[in-house]
Amino acid sequence: MKKAGTKKKIKIRRWIIGILLGAGFLAMEFPGILLVRERIYPFVLGLPFLYGYILCCWVYMCSVLFYACRTSWGKQSFFKK
């Protein structure tokens, strides 16, 4: 028998995954990034700003997708019991 709050937890996890994915896509496609084009300084992680910013966005999105995959898109717990 499942616990009473299990369905609510699953729904919350699915919403959180959706919000994190949406935030990642919005960060990647942010039009304000065009204001800093053709600038070499500042550097992010030793790369020009735009390359460093996109690299950070990709790392973020890969980690969110890994979490979503491990939890079956919010249907299971991340840590096995």
N, C-alpha and C. Protein backbone atom coordinates (compact mmCIF):
# COMPACT_ATOMS: atom_id res chain seq x y z
N MET A 1 0.83 -1.18 0.00
CA MET A 1 0.00 0.00 0.00
C MET A 1 0.87 1.25 0.00
N LYS A 2 0.55 2.21 -0.83
CA LYS A 2 1.33 3.43 -0.93
C LYS A 2 0.93 4.39 0.18
N LYS A 3 1.88 5.26 0.52
CA LYS A 3 1.60 6.27 1.53
C LYS A 3 0.65 7.31 0.97
N ALA A 4 -0.03 8.03 1.86
CA ALA A 4 -1.04 8.99 1.44
C ALA A 4 -0.44 10.17 0.67
N GLY A 5 0.74 10.62 1.05
CA GLY A 5 1.33 11.80 0.42
C GLY A 5 2.19 11.49 -0.79
N THR A 6 2.24 10.24 -1.23
CA THR A 6 3.11 9.85 -2.34
C THR A 6 2.70 10.53 -3.64
N LYS A 7 1.42 10.56 -3.95
CA LYS A 7 0.97 11.20 -5.20
C LYS A 7 1.27 12.69 -5.20
N LYS A 8 1.13 13.32 -4.05
CA LYS A 8 1.42 14.75 -3.96
C LYS A 8 2.90 15.01 -4.16
N LYS A 9 3.77 14.15 -3.59
CA LYS A 9 5.21 14.31 -3.76
C LYS A 9 5.61 14.12 -5.22
N ILE A 10 4.98 13.14 -5.89
CA ILE A 10 5.28 12.89 -7.30
C ILE A 10 4.90 14.12 -8.12
N LYS A 11 3.74 14.69 -7.86
CA LYS A 11 3.27 15.85 -8.61
C LYS A 11 4.21 17.03 -8.39
N ILE A 12 4.66 17.23 -7.15
CA ILE A 12 5.57 18.34 -6.86
C ILE A 12 6.90 18.13 -7.56
N ARG A 13 7.44 16.89 -7.52
CA ARG A 13 8.70 16.61 -8.21
C ARG A 13 8.60 16.85 -9.71
N ARG A 14 7.48 16.46 -10.31
CA ARG A 14 7.30 16.66 -11.76
C ARG A 14 7.25 18.15 -12.09
N TRP A 15 6.56 18.93 -11.24
CA TRP A 15 6.51 20.38 -11.46
C TRP A 15 7.89 21.00 -11.31
N ILE A 16 8.66 20.57 -10.32
CA ILE A 16 10.00 21.12 -10.11
C ILE A 16 10.89 20.80 -11.31
N ILE A 17 10.82 19.57 -11.82
CA ILE A 17 11.62 19.21 -12.99
C ILE A 17 11.22 20.08 -14.18
N GLY A 18 9.93 20.27 -14.38
CA GLY A 18 9.47 21.12 -15.48
C GLY A 18 9.94 22.56 -15.34
N ILE A 19 9.89 23.09 -14.14
CA ILE A 19 10.35 24.47 -13.91
C ILE A 19 11.85 24.59 -14.13
N LEU A 20 12.62 23.60 -13.64
CA LEU A 20 14.07 23.63 -13.84
C LEU A 20 14.45 23.55 -15.32
N LEU A 21 13.74 22.69 -16.07
CA LEU A 21 14.00 22.61 -17.51
C LEU A 21 13.64 23.91 -18.22
N GLY A 22 12.49 24.47 -17.86
CA GLY A 22 12.09 25.74 -18.46
C GLY A 22 13.07 26.86 -18.16
N ALA A 23 13.55 26.92 -16.92
CA ALA A 23 14.54 27.94 -16.56
C ALA A 23 15.83 27.76 -17.33
N GLY A 24 16.24 26.51 -17.54
CA GLY A 24 17.45 26.24 -18.31
C GLY A 24 17.32 26.68 -19.76
N PHE A 25 16.18 26.38 -20.38
CA PHE A 25 15.98 26.79 -21.77
C PHE A 25 15.89 28.31 -21.88
N LEU A 26 15.24 28.95 -20.93
CA LEU A 26 15.17 30.41 -20.95
C LEU A 26 16.56 31.03 -20.78
N ALA A 27 17.39 30.44 -19.92
CA ALA A 27 18.75 30.96 -19.73
C ALA A 27 19.58 30.80 -21.01
N MET A 28 19.40 29.68 -21.71
CA MET A 28 20.16 29.46 -22.94
C MET A 28 19.74 30.42 -24.04
N GLU A 29 18.46 30.73 -24.09
CA GLU A 29 17.94 31.55 -25.17
C GLU A 29 17.70 33.00 -24.75
N PHE A 30 18.31 33.42 -23.65
CA PHE A 30 18.12 34.77 -23.14
C PHE A 30 18.63 35.81 -24.15
N PRO A 31 17.76 36.70 -24.64
CA PRO A 31 18.21 37.66 -25.65
C PRO A 31 19.14 38.74 -25.10
N GLY A 32 19.16 38.95 -23.80
CA GLY A 32 20.05 39.94 -23.22
C GLY A 32 21.52 39.59 -23.36
N ILE A 33 21.80 38.34 -23.65
CA ILE A 33 23.18 37.91 -23.84
C ILE A 33 23.81 38.58 -25.06
N LEU A 34 22.96 39.04 -25.98
CA LEU A 34 23.48 39.71 -27.18
C LEU A 34 24.10 41.07 -26.86
N LEU A 35 23.81 41.61 -25.69
CA LEU A 35 24.40 42.89 -25.30
C LEU A 35 25.89 42.77 -25.05
N VAL A 36 26.38 41.59 -24.77
CA VAL A 36 27.80 41.41 -24.47
C VAL A 36 28.54 40.73 -25.62
N ARG A 37 27.92 40.62 -26.77
CA ARG A 37 28.62 39.99 -27.91
C ARG A 37 29.82 40.85 -28.29
N GLU A 38 30.75 40.23 -28.95
CA GLU A 38 31.98 40.86 -29.41
C GLU A 38 32.80 41.45 -28.28
N ARG A 39 32.62 40.95 -27.09
CA ARG A 39 33.46 41.34 -25.97
C ARG A 39 34.24 40.11 -25.53
N ILE A 40 35.51 40.29 -25.31
CA ILE A 40 36.32 39.17 -24.85
C ILE A 40 36.34 39.13 -23.34
N TYR A 41 36.34 40.30 -22.71
CA TYR A 41 36.34 40.35 -21.25
C TYR A 41 34.92 40.52 -20.77
N PRO A 42 34.46 39.98 -19.73
CA PRO A 42 35.13 39.17 -18.72
C PRO A 42 35.25 37.71 -19.16
N PHE A 43 36.10 37.00 -18.47
CA PHE A 43 36.29 35.58 -18.73
C PHE A 43 35.50 34.77 -17.72
N VAL A 44 34.92 33.67 -18.16
CA VAL A 44 34.24 32.72 -17.29
C VAL A 44 34.91 31.37 -17.50
N LEU A 45 35.45 30.81 -16.44
CA LEU A 45 36.16 29.52 -16.50
C LEU A 45 37.30 29.55 -17.52
N GLY A 46 37.94 30.68 -17.67
CA GLY A 46 39.06 30.80 -18.59
C GLY A 46 38.67 30.94 -20.05
N LEU A 47 37.39 31.04 -20.33
CA LEU A 47 36.88 31.20 -21.69
C LEU A 47 36.25 32.58 -21.83
N PRO A 48 36.16 33.10 -23.05
CA PRO A 48 35.40 34.33 -23.23
C PRO A 48 33.98 34.17 -22.68
N PHE A 49 33.37 35.26 -22.26
CA PHE A 49 32.11 35.23 -21.51
C PHE A 49 31.03 34.39 -22.17
N LEU A 50 30.79 34.59 -23.47
CA LEU A 50 29.70 33.89 -24.13
C LEU A 50 29.90 32.38 -24.13
N TYR A 51 31.13 31.94 -24.41
CA TYR A 51 31.42 30.50 -24.40
C TYR A 51 31.28 29.93 -22.99
N GLY A 52 31.79 30.65 -22.01
CA GLY A 52 31.68 30.19 -20.63
C GLY A 52 30.24 30.13 -20.15
N TYR A 53 29.44 31.11 -20.53
CA TYR A 53 28.04 31.16 -20.15
C TYR A 53 27.28 29.98 -20.74
N ILE A 54 27.46 29.71 -22.01
CA ILE A 54 26.77 28.59 -22.67
C ILE A 54 27.25 27.26 -22.10
N LEU A 55 28.54 27.15 -21.78
CA LEU A 55 29.06 25.93 -21.18
C LEU A 55 28.39 25.69 -19.82
N CYS A 56 28.25 26.73 -19.01
CA CYS A 56 27.57 26.60 -17.71
C CYS A 56 26.10 26.20 -17.90
N CYS A 57 25.44 26.75 -18.91
CA CYS A 57 24.05 26.39 -19.19
C CYS A 57 23.94 24.92 -19.57
N TRP A 58 24.87 24.42 -20.37
CA TRP A 58 24.84 23.02 -20.78
C TRP A 58 25.07 22.09 -19.60
N VAL A 59 26.00 22.46 -18.72
CA VAL A 59 26.25 21.63 -17.53
C VAL A 59 24.99 21.59 -16.67
N TYR A 60 24.34 22.73 -16.50
CA TYR A 60 23.10 22.81 -15.72
C TYR A 60 22.02 21.92 -16.34
N MET A 61 21.81 22.05 -17.65
CA MET A 61 20.76 21.27 -18.31
C MET A 61 21.06 19.76 -18.25
N CYS A 62 22.31 19.38 -18.43
CA CYS A 62 22.66 17.95 -18.35
C CYS A 62 22.41 17.41 -16.96
N SER A 63 22.70 18.20 -15.92
CA SER A 63 22.45 17.72 -14.56
C SER A 63 20.96 17.62 -14.27
N VAL A 64 20.16 18.54 -14.76
CA VAL A 64 18.70 18.46 -14.56
C VAL A 64 18.14 17.26 -15.31
N LEU A 65 18.59 17.03 -16.53
CA LEU A 65 18.11 15.86 -17.29
C LEU A 65 18.56 14.55 -16.65
N PHE A 66 19.76 14.52 -16.07
CA PHE A 66 20.22 13.33 -15.36
C PHE A 66 19.32 13.06 -14.16
N TYR A 67 19.00 14.10 -13.40
CA TYR A 67 18.10 13.95 -12.25
C TYR A 67 16.73 13.46 -12.70
N ALA A 68 16.21 14.05 -13.78
CA ALA A 68 14.89 13.66 -14.28
C ALA A 68 14.90 12.20 -14.74
N CYS A 69 15.95 11.79 -15.39
CA CYS A 69 16.05 10.40 -15.87
C CYS A 69 16.15 9.43 -14.71
N ARG A 70 16.96 9.76 -13.70
CA ARG A 70 17.14 8.88 -12.54
C ARG A 70 15.85 8.73 -11.72
N THR A 71 15.02 9.74 -11.73
CA THR A 71 13.77 9.68 -10.95
C THR A 71 12.58 9.30 -11.81
N SER A 72 12.82 8.85 -13.02
CA SER A 72 11.74 8.52 -13.97
C SER A 72 10.79 9.70 -14.11
N TRP A 73 11.36 10.86 -14.32
CA TRP A 73 10.63 12.12 -14.50
C TRP A 73 9.75 12.44 -13.30
N GLY A 74 10.30 12.16 -12.09
CA GLY A 74 9.63 12.54 -10.86
C GLY A 74 8.77 11.46 -10.24
N LYS A 75 8.75 10.27 -10.81
CA LYS A 75 7.87 9.21 -10.29
C LYS A 75 8.51 8.39 -9.17
N GLN A 76 9.84 8.45 -9.04
CA GLN A 76 10.53 7.69 -8.02
C GLN A 76 11.42 8.61 -7.20
N SER A 77 11.94 8.10 -6.10
CA SER A 77 12.88 8.84 -5.28
C SER A 77 14.27 8.78 -5.93
N PHE A 78 15.08 9.80 -5.75
CA PHE A 78 16.42 9.82 -6.32
C PHE A 78 17.32 8.82 -5.60
N PHE A 79 17.19 8.75 -4.29
CA PHE A 79 18.01 7.84 -3.50
C PHE A 79 17.22 6.55 -3.26
N LYS A 80 17.83 5.42 -3.59
CA LYS A 80 17.19 4.12 -3.41
C LYS A 80 17.19 3.76 -1.93
N LYS A 81 16.10 3.16 -1.48
CA LYS A 81 16.01 2.74 -0.07
C LYS A 81 16.29 1.28 0.06
